[in-house]
Amino acid sequence: MDTATIEKVKTLDGFLGFENIKNGDDGIFISYWKDLDSINKWKHDEMHLEAKQKGKSMWYNRILSQICKVEQSVEYIK
């Protein structure tokens, strides 16, 4: 399901990218979007709704979803 949803989301208007970090059984997935309208379209997407339902009932003990406005992003690479 992860692979299918990632491949689908890459084709959607307004999707800017994602980060996925895992540490043993714990993980975090962050997706970046152009605007709130794009987020809402993904929020109501049939595949995304199925993935969230299965995530809650089958795969994850905890799911936290947050929508945040990024005012500035600076990356330092050594």
PDB file of N, CA and C in Angstrom:
ATOM      1  N   MET A   1       0.833  -1.198   0.000  1.00  0.00           N
ATOM      2  CA  MET A   1       0.000   0.000   0.000  1.00  0.00           C
ATOM      3  C   MET A   1       0.875   1.258   0.000  1.00  0.00           C
ATOM      4  N   ASP A   2       1.988   1.226   0.739  1.00  0.00           N
ATOM      5  CA  ASP A   2       2.875   2.394   0.762  1.00  0.00           C
ATOM      6  C   ASP A   2       3.364   2.756  -0.640  1.00  0.00           C
ATOM      7  N   THR A   3       3.833   1.755  -1.364  1.00  0.00           N
ATOM      8  CA  THR A   3       4.359   2.004  -2.704  1.00  0.00           C
ATOM      9  C   THR A   3       3.276   2.541  -3.632  1.00  0.00           C
ATOM     10  N   ALA A   4       2.099   1.947  -3.575  1.00  0.00           N
ATOM     11  CA  ALA A   4       1.001   2.381  -4.451  1.00  0.00           C
ATOM     12  C   ALA A   4       0.576   3.813  -4.150  1.00  0.00           C
ATOM     13  N   THR A   5       0.453   4.160  -2.869  1.00  0.00           N
ATOM     14  CA  THR A   5       0.028   5.524  -2.534  1.00  0.00           C
ATOM     15  C   THR A   5       1.107   6.543  -2.891  1.00  0.00           C
ATOM     16  N   ILE A   6       2.373   6.189  -2.694  1.00  0.00           N
ATOM     17  CA  ILE A   6       3.450   7.113  -3.051  1.00  0.00           C
ATOM     18  C   ILE A   6       3.487   7.340  -4.561  1.00  0.00           C
ATOM     19  N   GLU A   7       3.343   6.289  -5.324  1.00  0.00           N
ATOM     20  CA  GLU A   7       3.331   6.441  -6.787  1.00  0.00           C
ATOM     21  C   GLU A   7       2.145   7.285  -7.243  1.00  0.00           C
ATOM     22  N   LYS A   8       0.987   7.103  -6.619  1.00  0.00           N
ATOM     23  CA  LYS A   8      -0.190   7.888  -7.005  1.00  0.00           C
ATOM     24  C   LYS A   8      -0.015   9.354  -6.629  1.00  0.00           C
ATOM     25  N   VAL A   9       0.432   9.608  -5.405  1.00  0.00           N
ATOM     26  CA  VAL A   9       0.528  10.986  -4.933  1.00  0.00           C
ATOM     27  C   VAL A   9       1.520  11.783  -5.774  1.00  0.00           C
ATOM     28  N   LYS A  10       2.542  11.126  -6.307  1.00  0.00           N
ATOM     29  CA  LYS A  10       3.521  11.815  -7.155  1.00  0.00           C
ATOM     30  C   LYS A  10       2.891  12.390  -8.422  1.00  0.00           C
ATOM     31  N   THR A  11       1.738  11.859  -8.837  1.00  0.00           N
ATOM     32  CA  THR A  11       1.084  12.316 -10.061  1.00  0.00           C
ATOM     33  C   THR A  11       0.070  13.428  -9.816  1.00  0.00           C
ATOM     34  N   LEU A  12      -0.203  13.760  -8.565  1.00  0.00           N
ATOM     35  CA  LEU A  12      -1.262  14.711  -8.245  1.00  0.00           C
ATOM     36  C   LEU A  12      -0.786  16.152  -8.328  1.00  0.00           C
ATOM     37  N   ASP A  13      -1.669  17.000  -8.843  1.00  0.00           N
ATOM     38  CA  ASP A  13      -1.397  18.428  -8.924  1.00  0.00           C
ATOM     39  C   ASP A  13      -1.237  18.986  -7.513  1.00  0.00           C
ATOM     40  N   GLY A  14      -0.197  19.742  -7.301  1.00  0.00           N
ATOM     41  CA  GLY A  14       0.021  20.383  -6.012  1.00  0.00           C
ATOM     42  C   GLY A  14       0.960  19.626  -5.101  1.00  0.00           C
ATOM     43  N   PHE A  15       1.286  18.379  -5.428  1.00  0.00           N
ATOM     44  CA  PHE A  15       2.217  17.606  -4.612  1.00  0.00           C
ATOM     45  C   PHE A  15       3.628  18.070  -4.896  1.00  0.00           C
ATOM     46  N   LEU A  16       4.383  18.383  -3.837  1.00  0.00           N
ATOM     47  CA  LEU A  16       5.728  18.921  -4.002  1.00  0.00           C
ATOM     48  C   LEU A  16       6.831  17.931  -3.634  1.00  0.00           C
ATOM     49  N   GLY A  17       6.520  16.959  -2.782  1.00  0.00           N
ATOM     50  CA  GLY A  17       7.540  16.003  -2.376  1.00  0.00           C
ATOM     51  C   GLY A  17       7.215  15.399  -1.028  1.00  0.00           C
ATOM     52  N   PHE A  18       8.108  14.507  -0.572  1.00  0.00           N
ATOM     53  CA  PHE A  18       7.887  13.856   0.715  1.00  0.00           C
ATOM     54  C   PHE A  18       9.204  13.425   1.336  1.00  0.00           C
ATOM     55  N   GLU A  19       9.144  13.135   2.626  1.00  0.00           N
ATOM     56  CA  GLU A  19      10.254  12.546   3.370  1.00  0.00           C
ATOM     57  C   GLU A  19       9.682  11.397   4.180  1.00  0.00           C
ATOM     58  N   ASN A  20      10.424  10.310   4.262  1.00  0.00           N
ATOM     59  CA  ASN A  20       9.980   9.134   4.992  1.00  0.00           C
ATOM     60  C   ASN A  20      11.167   8.628   5.803  1.00  0.00           C
ATOM     61  N   ILE A  21      11.020   8.605   7.117  1.00  0.00           N
ATOM     62  CA  ILE A  21      12.099   8.201   8.007  1.00  0.00           C
ATOM     63  C   ILE A  21      11.601   7.085   8.908  1.00  0.00           C
ATOM     64  N   LYS A  22      12.366   6.008   9.010  1.00  0.00           N
ATOM     65  CA  LYS A  22      11.981   4.879   9.857  1.00  0.00           C
ATOM     66  C   LYS A  22      13.088   4.594  10.851  1.00  0.00           C
ATOM     67  N   ASN A  23      12.654   4.176  12.046  1.00  0.00           N
ATOM     68  CA  ASN A  23      13.568   3.790  13.112  1.00  0.00           C
ATOM     69  C   ASN A  23      12.955   2.575  13.800  1.00  0.00           C
ATOM     70  N   GLY A  24      13.337   1.383  13.363  1.00  0.00           N
ATOM     71  CA  GLY A  24      12.715   0.172  13.899  1.00  0.00           C
ATOM     72  C   GLY A  24      11.252   0.127  13.503  1.00  0.00           C
ATOM     73  N   ASP A  25      10.374   0.006  14.489  1.00  0.00           N
ATOM     74  CA  ASP A  25       8.938  -0.032  14.230  1.00  0.00           C
ATOM     75  C   ASP A  25       8.321   1.363  14.132  1.00  0.00           C
ATOM     76  N   ASP A  26       9.099   2.387  14.465  1.00  0.00           N
ATOM     77  CA  ASP A  26       8.589   3.755  14.427  1.00  0.00           C
ATOM     78  C   ASP A  26       8.940   4.414  13.099  1.00  0.00           C
ATOM     79  N   GLY A  27       8.099   5.332  12.675  1.00  0.00           N
ATOM     80  CA  GLY A  27       8.380   6.039  11.439  1.00  0.00           C
ATOM     81  C   GLY A  27       7.623   7.345  11.363  1.00  0.00           C
ATOM     82  N   ILE A  28       8.071   8.181  10.455  1.00  0.00           N
ATOM     83  CA  ILE A  28       7.397   9.448  10.195  1.00  0.00           C
ATOM     84  C   ILE A  28       7.376   9.671   8.686  1.00  0.00           C
ATOM     85  N   PHE A  29       6.246  10.110   8.192  1.00  0.00           N
ATOM     86  CA  PHE A  29       6.085  10.415   6.774  1.00  0.00           C
ATOM     87  C   PHE A  29       5.589  11.849   6.680  1.00  0.00           C
ATOM     88  N   ILE A  30       6.313  12.669   5.957  1.00  0.00           N
ATOM     89  CA  ILE A  30       5.948  14.075   5.784  1.00  0.00           C
ATOM     90  C   ILE A  30       5.751  14.328   4.296  1.00  0.00           C
ATOM     91  N   SER A  31       4.605  14.892   3.941  1.00  0.00           N
ATOM     92  CA  SER A  31       4.373  15.261   2.546  1.00  0.00           C
ATOM     93  C   SER A  31       4.230  16.773   2.449  1.00  0.00           C
ATOM     94  N   TYR A  32       4.666  17.305   1.315  1.00  0.00           N
ATOM     95  CA  TYR A  32       4.653  18.745   1.078  1.00  0.00           C
ATOM     96  C   TYR A  32       3.726  19.052  -0.098  1.00  0.00           C
ATOM     97  N   TRP A  33       2.911  20.103   0.078  1.00  0.00           N
ATOM     98  CA  TRP A  33       1.881  20.445  -0.900  1.00  0.00           C
ATOM     99  C   TRP A  33       1.917  21.930  -1.215  1.00  0.00           C
ATOM    100  N   LYS A  34       1.459  22.253  -2.403  1.00  0.00           N
ATOM    101  CA  LYS A  34       1.428  23.634  -2.893  1.00  0.00           C
ATOM    102  C   LYS A  34       0.481  24.504  -2.077  1.00  0.00           C
ATOM    103  N   ASP A  35      -0.689  23.958  -1.736  1.00  0.00           N
ATOM    104  CA  ASP A  35      -1.694  24.758  -1.042  1.00  0.00           C
ATOM    105  C   ASP A  35      -2.703  23.855  -0.330  1.00  0.00           C
ATOM    106  N   LEU A  36      -3.578  24.481   0.437  1.00  0.00           N
ATOM    107  CA  LEU A  36      -4.570  23.749   1.218  1.00  0.00           C
ATOM    108  C   LEU A  36      -5.564  23.004   0.331  1.00  0.00           C
ATOM    109  N   ASP A  37      -5.891  23.552  -0.826  1.00  0.00           N
ATOM    110  CA  ASP A  37      -6.791  22.874  -1.759  1.00  0.00           C
ATOM    111  C   ASP A  37      -6.202  21.532  -2.206  1.00  0.00           C
ATOM    112  N   SER A  38      -4.917  21.507  -2.508  1.00  0.00           N
ATOM    113  CA  SER A  38      -4.246  20.259  -2.903  1.00  0.00           C
ATOM    114  C   SER A  38      -4.261  19.252  -1.764  1.00  0.00           C
ATOM    115  N   ILE A  39      -4.031  19.715  -0.553  1.00  0.00           N
ATOM    116  CA  ILE A  39      -4.077  18.836   0.629  1.00  0.00           C
ATOM    117  C   ILE A  39      -5.459  18.230   0.782  1.00  0.00           C
ATOM    118  N   ASN A  40      -6.487  19.052   0.637  1.00  0.00           N
ATOM    119  CA  ASN A  40      -7.854  18.555   0.802  1.00  0.00           C
ATOM    120  C   ASN A  40      -8.247  17.542  -0.274  1.00  0.00           C
ATOM    121  N   LYS A  41      -7.758  17.733  -1.491  1.00  0.00           N
ATOM    122  CA  LYS A  41      -8.037  16.748  -2.540  1.00  0.00           C
ATOM    123  C   LYS A  41      -7.410  15.403  -2.186  1.00  0.00           C
ATOM    124  N   TRP A  42      -6.183  15.405  -1.687  1.00  0.00           N
ATOM    125  CA  TRP A  42      -5.530  14.164  -1.284  1.00  0.00           C
ATOM    126  C   TRP A  42      -6.223  13.568  -0.054  1.00  0.00           C
ATOM    127  N   LYS A  43      -6.647  14.415   0.851  1.00  0.00           N
ATOM    128  CA  LYS A  43      -7.332  13.953   2.068  1.00  0.00           C
ATOM    129  C   LYS A  43      -8.580  13.141   1.724  1.00  0.00           C
ATOM    130  N   HIS A  44      -9.271  13.500   0.646  1.00  0.00           N
ATOM    131  CA  HIS A  44     -10.513  12.833   0.259  1.00  0.00           C
ATOM    132  C   HIS A  44     -10.337  11.823  -0.882  1.00  0.00           C
ATOM    133  N   ASP A  45      -9.099  11.586  -1.298  1.00  0.00           N
ATOM    134  CA  ASP A  45      -8.815  10.618  -2.355  1.00  0.00           C
ATOM    135  C   ASP A  45      -9.172   9.207  -1.881  1.00  0.00           C
ATOM    136  N   GLU A  46      -9.810   8.431  -2.757  1.00  0.00           N
ATOM    137  CA  GLU A  46     -10.286   7.091  -2.401  1.00  0.00           C
ATOM    138  C   GLU A  46      -9.153   6.169  -1.924  1.00  0.00           C
ATOM    139  N   MET A  47      -8.029   6.164  -2.627  1.00  0.00           N
ATOM    140  CA  MET A  47      -6.914   5.311  -2.221  1.00  0.00           C
ATOM    141  C   MET A  47      -6.341   5.756  -0.881  1.00  0.00           C
ATOM    142  N   HIS A  48      -6.239   7.058  -0.685  1.00  0.00           N
ATOM    143  CA  HIS A  48      -5.711   7.580   0.571  1.00  0.00           C
ATOM    144  C   HIS A  48      -6.637   7.229   1.736  1.00  0.00           C
ATOM    145  N   LEU A  49      -7.944   7.342   1.530  1.00  0.00           N
ATOM    146  CA  LEU A  49      -8.899   6.977   2.576  1.00  0.00           C
ATOM    147  C   LEU A  49      -8.777   5.494   2.933  1.00  0.00           C
ATOM    148  N   GLU A  50      -8.603   4.643   1.925  1.00  0.00           N
ATOM    149  CA  GLU A  50      -8.430   3.205   2.173  1.00  0.00           C
ATOM    150  C   GLU A  50      -7.143   2.942   2.957  1.00  0.00           C
ATOM    151  N   ALA A  51      -6.063   3.604   2.569  1.00  0.00           N
ATOM    152  CA  ALA A  51      -4.781   3.424   3.252  1.00  0.00           C
ATOM    153  C   ALA A  51      -4.875   3.862   4.713  1.00  0.00           C
ATOM    154  N   LYS A  52      -5.535   4.989   4.962  1.00  0.00           N
ATOM    155  CA  LYS A  52      -5.686   5.459   6.340  1.00  0.00           C
ATOM    156  C   LYS A  52      -6.515   4.486   7.175  1.00  0.00           C
ATOM    157  N   GLN A  53      -7.590   3.965   6.582  1.00  0.00           N
ATOM    158  CA  GLN A  53      -8.438   3.019   7.305  1.00  0.00           C
ATOM    159  C   GLN A  53      -7.654   1.757   7.652  1.00  0.00           C
ATOM    160  N   LYS A  54      -6.933   1.219   6.690  1.00  0.00           N
ATOM    161  CA  LYS A  54      -6.138   0.014   6.943  1.00  0.00           C
ATOM    162  C   LYS A  54      -5.007   0.307   7.924  1.00  0.00           C
ATOM    163  N   GLY A  55      -4.422   1.478   7.823  1.00  0.00           N
ATOM    164  CA  GLY A  55      -3.370   1.857   8.764  1.00  0.00           C
ATOM    165  C   GLY A  55      -3.871   1.842  10.190  1.00  0.00           C
ATOM    166  N   LYS A  56      -5.049   2.393  10.403  1.00  0.00           N
ATOM    167  CA  LYS A  56      -5.626   2.444  11.749  1.00  0.00           C
ATOM    168  C   LYS A  56      -6.002   1.059  12.266  1.00  0.00           C
ATOM    169  N   SER A  57      -6.524   0.216  11.385  1.00  0.00           N
ATOM    170  CA  SER A  57      -7.038  -1.083  11.843  1.00  0.00           C
ATOM    171  C   SER A  57      -6.011  -2.208  11.778  1.00  0.00           C
ATOM    172  N   MET A  58      -4.970  -2.078  10.936  1.00  0.00           N
ATOM    173  CA  MET A  58      -4.084  -3.217  10.712  1.00  0.00           C
ATOM    174  C   MET A  58      -2.604  -2.967  11.023  1.00  0.00           C
ATOM    175  N   TRP A  59      -2.094  -1.767  10.763  1.00  0.00           N
ATOM    176  CA  TRP A  59      -0.645  -1.600  10.753  1.00  0.00           C
ATOM    177  C   TRP A  59      -0.069  -0.749  11.872  1.00  0.00           C
ATOM    178  N   TYR A  60      -0.773   0.274  12.300  1.00  0.00           N
ATOM    179  CA  TYR A  60      -0.165   1.247  13.207  1.00  0.00           C
ATOM    180  C   TYR A  60      -0.892   1.318  14.548  1.00  0.00           C
ATOM    181  N   ASN A  61      -0.107   1.537  15.600  1.00  0.00           N
ATOM    182  CA  ASN A  61      -0.681   1.754  16.924  1.00  0.00           C
ATOM    183  C   ASN A  61      -1.088   3.210  17.121  1.00  0.00           C
ATOM    184  N   ARG A  62      -0.439   4.094  16.384  1.00  0.00           N
ATOM    185  CA  ARG A  62      -0.698   5.526  16.533  1.00  0.00           C
ATOM    186  C   ARG A  62      -0.500   6.203  15.188  1.00  0.00           C
ATOM    187  N   ILE A  63      -1.428   7.082  14.855  1.00  0.00           N
ATOM    188  CA  ILE A  63      -1.309   7.911  13.647  1.00  0.00           C
ATOM    189  C   ILE A  63      -1.589   9.347  14.062  1.00  0.00           C
ATOM    190  N   LEU A  64      -0.733  10.250  13.665  1.00  0.00           N
ATOM    191  CA  LEU A  64      -0.907  11.674  13.936  1.00  0.00           C
ATOM    192  C   LEU A  64      -0.822  12.410  12.612  1.00  0.00           C
ATOM    193  N   SER A  65      -1.825  13.190  12.310  1.00  0.00           N
ATOM    194  CA  SER A  65      -1.838  13.970  11.074  1.00  0.00           C
ATOM    195  C   SER A  65      -1.875  15.445  11.447  1.00  0.00           C
ATOM    196  N   GLN A  66      -0.959  16.210  10.878  1.00  0.00           N
ATOM    197  CA  GLN A  66      -0.892  17.638  11.148  1.00  0.00           C
ATOM    198  C   GLN A  66      -0.757  18.386   9.831  1.00  0.00           C
ATOM    199  N   ILE A  67      -1.371  19.546   9.742  1.00  0.00           N
ATOM    200  CA  ILE A  67      -1.197  20.438   8.597  1.00  0.00           C
ATOM    201  C   ILE A  67      -0.512  21.684   9.134  1.00  0.00           C
ATOM    202  N   CYS A  68       0.652  21.980   8.580  1.00  0.00           N
ATOM    203  CA  CYS A  68       1.463  23.091   9.067  1.00  0.00           C
ATOM    204  C   CYS A  68       1.855  23.999   7.916  1.00  0.00           C
ATOM    205  N   LYS A  69       1.883  25.277   8.184  1.00  0.00           N
ATOM    206  CA  LYS A  69       2.355  26.236   7.193  1.00  0.00           C
ATOM    207  C   LYS A  69       3.846  26.475   7.444  1.00  0.00           C
ATOM    208  N   VAL A  70       4.643  26.274   6.408  1.00  0.00           N
ATOM    209  CA  VAL A  70       6.084  26.498   6.507  1.00  0.00           C
ATOM    210  C   VAL A  70       6.359  27.924   6.050  1.00  0.00           C
ATOM    211  N   GLU A  71       6.882  28.724   6.955  1.00  0.00           N
ATOM    212  CA  GLU A  71       7.192  30.114   6.633  1.00  0.00           C
ATOM    213  C   GLU A  71       8.555  30.234   5.963  1.00  0.00           C
ATOM    214  N   GLN A  72       9.473  29.366   6.352  1.00  0.00           N
ATOM    215  CA  GLN A  72      10.807  29.407   5.781  1.00  0.00           C
ATOM    216  C   GLN A  72      11.426  28.030   5.954  1.00  0.00           C
ATOM    217  N   SER A  73      12.235  27.643   5.007  1.00  0.00           N
ATOM    218  CA  SER A  73      12.946  26.367   5.081  1.00  0.00           C
ATOM    219  C   SER A  73      14.375  26.603   4.630  1.00  0.00           C
ATOM    220  N   VAL A  74      15.327  26.263   5.500  1.00  0.00           N
ATOM    221  CA  VAL A  74      16.741  26.439   5.201  1.00  0.00           C
ATOM    222  C   VAL A  74      17.420  25.092   5.397  1.00  0.00           C
ATOM    223  N   GLU A  75      18.223  24.690   4.432  1.00  0.00           N
ATOM    224  CA  GLU A  75      18.916  23.404   4.522  1.00  0.00           C
ATOM    225  C   GLU A  75      20.417  23.654   4.568  1.00  0.00           C
ATOM    226  N   TYR A  76      21.073  23.024   5.527  1.00  0.00           N
ATOM    227  CA  TYR A  76      22.521  23.095   5.626  1.00  0.00           C
ATOM    228  C   TYR A  76      23.078  21.712   5.347  1.00  0.00           C
ATOM    229  N   ILE A  77      23.987  21.615   4.410  1.00  0.00           N
ATOM    230  CA  ILE A  77      24.621  20.350   4.072  1.00  0.00           C
ATOM    231  C   ILE A  77      26.115  20.519   4.211  1.00  0.00           C
ATOM    232  N   LYS A  78      26.712  19.622   4.964  1.00  0.00           N
ATOM    233  CA  LYS A  78      28.160  19.697   5.183  1.00  0.00           C
ATOM    234  C   LYS A  78      28.878  18.915   4.118  1.00  0.00           C
TER     235      LYS A  78
END
